Structures are given as structure tokens and as C-alpha cells.
C-alpha atoms as a PDB file:
ATOM      1  CA  MET A   1       0.000   0.000   0.000  1.00  0.00           C
ATOM      2  CA  HIS A   2       2.877   2.377   0.716  1.00  0.00           C
ATOM      3  CA  ILE A   3       4.155   1.966  -2.839  1.00  0.00           C
ATOM      4  CA  LEU A   4       0.850   3.120  -4.329  1.00  0.00           C
ATOM      5  CA  GLU A   5       0.797   6.125  -1.995  1.00  0.00           C
ATOM      6  CA  PHE A   6       4.350   7.017  -3.022  1.00  0.00           C
ATOM      7  CA  LEU A   7       3.538   6.681  -6.720  1.00  0.00           C
ATOM      8  CA  SER A   8       0.435   8.832  -6.443  1.00  0.00           C
ATOM      9  CA  ALA A   9       2.286  11.472  -4.424  1.00  0.00           C
ATOM     10  CA  HIS A  10       5.293  11.661  -6.793  1.00  0.00           C
ATOM     11  CA  LYS A  11       3.798  11.382 -10.281  1.00  0.00           C
ATOM     12  CA  ASP A  12       6.125  13.957 -11.857  1.00  0.00           C
ATOM     13  CA  THR A  13       9.211  12.247 -10.491  1.00  0.00           C
ATOM     14  CA  ILE A  14       8.072   8.850 -11.711  1.00  0.00           C
ATOM     15  CA  VAL A  15       7.399  10.199 -15.221  1.00  0.00           C
ATOM     16  CA  THR A  16      10.752  11.996 -15.250  1.00  0.00           C
ATOM     17  CA  LEU A  17      12.569   8.788 -14.353  1.00  0.00           C
ATOM     18  CA  ALA A  18      10.428   6.396 -16.377  1.00  0.00           C
ATOM     19  CA  PHE A  19      10.618   8.203 -19.733  1.00  0.00           C
ATOM     20  CA  PRO A  20      14.398   7.917 -20.222  1.00  0.00           C
ATOM     21  CA  VAL A  21      14.456   4.295 -19.118  1.00  0.00           C
ATOM     22  CA  LEU A  22      11.505   3.219 -21.271  1.00  0.00           C
ATOM     23  CA  SER A  23      12.789   5.245 -24.215  1.00  0.00           C
ATOM     24  CA  ALA A  24      16.207   3.594 -23.951  1.00  0.00           C
ATOM     25  CA  ILE A  25      14.653   0.134 -23.790  1.00  0.00           C
ATOM     26  CA  VAL A  26      12.478   0.757 -26.863  1.00  0.00           C
ATOM     27  CA  THR A  27      15.407   2.231 -28.782  1.00  0.00           C
ATOM     28  CA  TRP A  28      17.678  -0.655 -27.791  1.00  0.00           C
ATOM     29  CA  LEU A  29      15.121  -3.322 -28.712  1.00  0.00           C
ATOM     30  CA  PHE A  30      14.013  -1.988 -32.096  1.00  0.00           C
ATOM     31  CA  LYS A  31      17.043  -0.211 -33.509  1.00  0.00           C
ATOM     32  CA  PRO A  32      19.202  -2.275 -35.923  1.00  0.00           C
ATOM     33  CA  ARG A  33      22.869  -2.265 -35.034  1.00  0.00           C
ATOM     34  CA  THR A  34      24.668  -2.054 -38.375  1.00  0.00           C
ATOM     35  CA  PRO A  35      24.092  -0.567 -41.838  1.00  0.00           C
ATOM     36  CA  GLU A  36      23.851  -4.135 -43.151  1.00  0.00           C
ATOM     37  CA  GLU A  37      20.861  -4.758 -40.873  1.00  0.00           C
ATOM     38  CA  TYR A  38      19.217  -1.590 -42.221  1.00  0.00           C
ATOM     39  CA  SER A  39      19.782  -2.777 -45.809  1.00  0.00           C
ATOM     40  CA  LEU A  40      17.930  -6.038 -45.049  1.00  0.00           C
ATOM     41  CA  LEU A  41      14.802  -4.092 -44.065  1.00  0.00           C
ATOM     42  CA  SER A  42      12.352  -2.431 -46.416  1.00  0.00           C
ATOM     43  CA  PRO A  43      13.172   1.269 -46.838  1.00  0.00           C
ATOM     44  CA  ARG A  44      10.077   2.388 -44.917  1.00  0.00           C
ATOM     45  CA  VAL A  45      10.732   0.060 -41.974  1.00  0.00           C
ATOM     46  CA  ALA A  46      14.373   1.162 -41.867  1.00  0.00           C
ATOM     47  CA  ALA A  47      13.216   4.795 -41.826  1.00  0.00           C
ATOM     48  CA  VAL A  48      10.789   4.048 -38.978  1.00  0.00           C
ATOM     49  CA  PHE A  49      13.589   2.413 -36.957  1.00  0.00           C
ATOM     50  CA  LYS A  50      15.833   5.432 -37.550  1.00  0.00           C
ATOM     51  CA  PHE A  51      12.952   7.680 -36.490  1.00  0.00           C
ATOM     52  CA  ILE A  52      12.433   5.690 -33.270  1.00  0.00           C
ATOM     53  CA  GLY A  53      16.157   5.876 -32.595  1.00  0.00           C
ATOM     54  CA  ALA A  54      16.163   9.633 -33.107  1.00  0.00           C
ATOM     55  CA  LEU A  55      13.242  10.160 -30.738  1.00  0.00           C
ATOM     56  CA  GLY A  56      14.586   7.985 -27.977  1.00  0.00           C
ATOM     57  CA  ILE A  57      17.492   8.202 -25.642  1.00  0.00           C
ATOM     58  CA  ASP A  58      20.761   6.482 -26.487  1.00  0.00           C
ATOM     59  CA  ALA A  59      20.640   3.275 -24.413  1.00  0.00           C
ATOM     60  CA  PRO A  60      24.410   2.688 -24.136  1.00  0.00           C
ATOM     61  CA  LYS A  61      25.006   6.248 -22.948  1.00  0.00           C
ATOM     62  CA  LEU A  62      22.121   5.962 -20.486  1.00  0.00           C
ATOM     63  CA  ILE A  63      23.498   2.709 -19.057  1.00  0.00           C
ATOM     64  CA  GLU A  64      26.989   4.195 -18.826  1.00  0.00           C
ATOM     65  CA  SER A  65      25.713   7.257 -16.980  1.00  0.00           C
ATOM     66  CA  ILE A  66      23.696   5.102 -14.545  1.00  0.00           C
ATOM     67  CA  GLN A  67      26.827   3.033 -13.849  1.00  0.00           C
ATOM     68  CA  GLN A  68      28.771   6.236 -13.202  1.00  0.00           C
ATOM     69  CA  ILE A  69      26.098   7.482 -10.809  1.00  0.00           C
ATOM     70  CA  VAL A  70      26.034   4.189  -8.896  1.00  0.00           C
ATOM     71  CA  THR A  71      29.813   3.739  -8.722  1.00  0.00           C
ATOM     72  CA  GLY A  72      30.668   7.418  -8.340  1.00  0.00           C
ATOM     73  CA  LYS A  73      33.336   7.115 -11.048  1.00  0.00           C
ATOM     74  CA  TYR A  74      33.316   9.263 -14.176  1.00  0.00           C
ATOM     75  CA  ARG A  75      35.085   7.743 -17.175  1.00  0.00           C
ATOM     76  CA  GLU A  76      36.155   9.968 -20.055  1.00  0.00           C
ATOM     77  CA  LYS A  77      36.124   8.786 -23.666  1.00  0.00           C
ATOM     78  CA  ASN A  78      39.944   8.543 -23.643  1.00  0.00           C
ATOM     79  CA  ASN A  79      39.834   5.991 -20.777  1.00  0.00           C
ATOM     80  CA  GLN A  80      40.693   8.440 -18.032  1.00  0.00           C
ATOM     81  CA  LEU A  81      39.122   7.672 -14.706  1.00  0.00           C
ATOM     82  CA  ASN A  82      38.596  10.743 -12.500  1.00  0.00           C
ATOM     83  CA  GLY A  83      41.440  12.559 -14.249  1.00  0.00           C
ATOM     84  CA  VAL A  84      43.990   9.732 -13.911  1.00  0.00           C
ATOM     85  CA  SER A  85      45.158   7.876 -17.016  1.00  0.00           C
ATOM     86  CA  LYS A  86      44.806   4.123 -16.990  1.00  0.00           C
END
């Protein structure tokens, strides 16, 4: 019962958190990975998948940022961890 009370009291927070996660899941599930996979689809379906990917949030970046929040470690693109080269 406490969960339902929390959800009803914090609707904006739930929507704010749920949209990026659901968007990333949809993008990850339906977006082909390579140009070869796009070429196997009909042009309209490929365009729809690209459209879905453009609307959604990038799942790998979302997962990486969640990992950084949980671990407290920020990793740069050039493999630096908190300013120290590895």
C-alpha cells in the first residue's frame, strides 16, 4: 500500500525517471545495429527504426551514466578515470 501512496504522491518524479528508461529500452530493442541490418529491411521500416532511434534516448550512454552514478566514477572517452590515465 505504501508503494501506491508514493507513486500517487510523486507522479512527476516517476514520469521523469520512467521516460528515459523506457525510451532507452524501446530504442535498444528496435534499432538495428549495423548498416547491413538496415539494408535487409524495407526502406520504410528502416526509416521508422531510424525515427524511433532519433526520438529515444541512447541506451548505451544511459546505461553508462547510470553506472557512473552508482559507482561514483566518471570515465572519459579517452579511458581516463577521474582525471587519472589508466
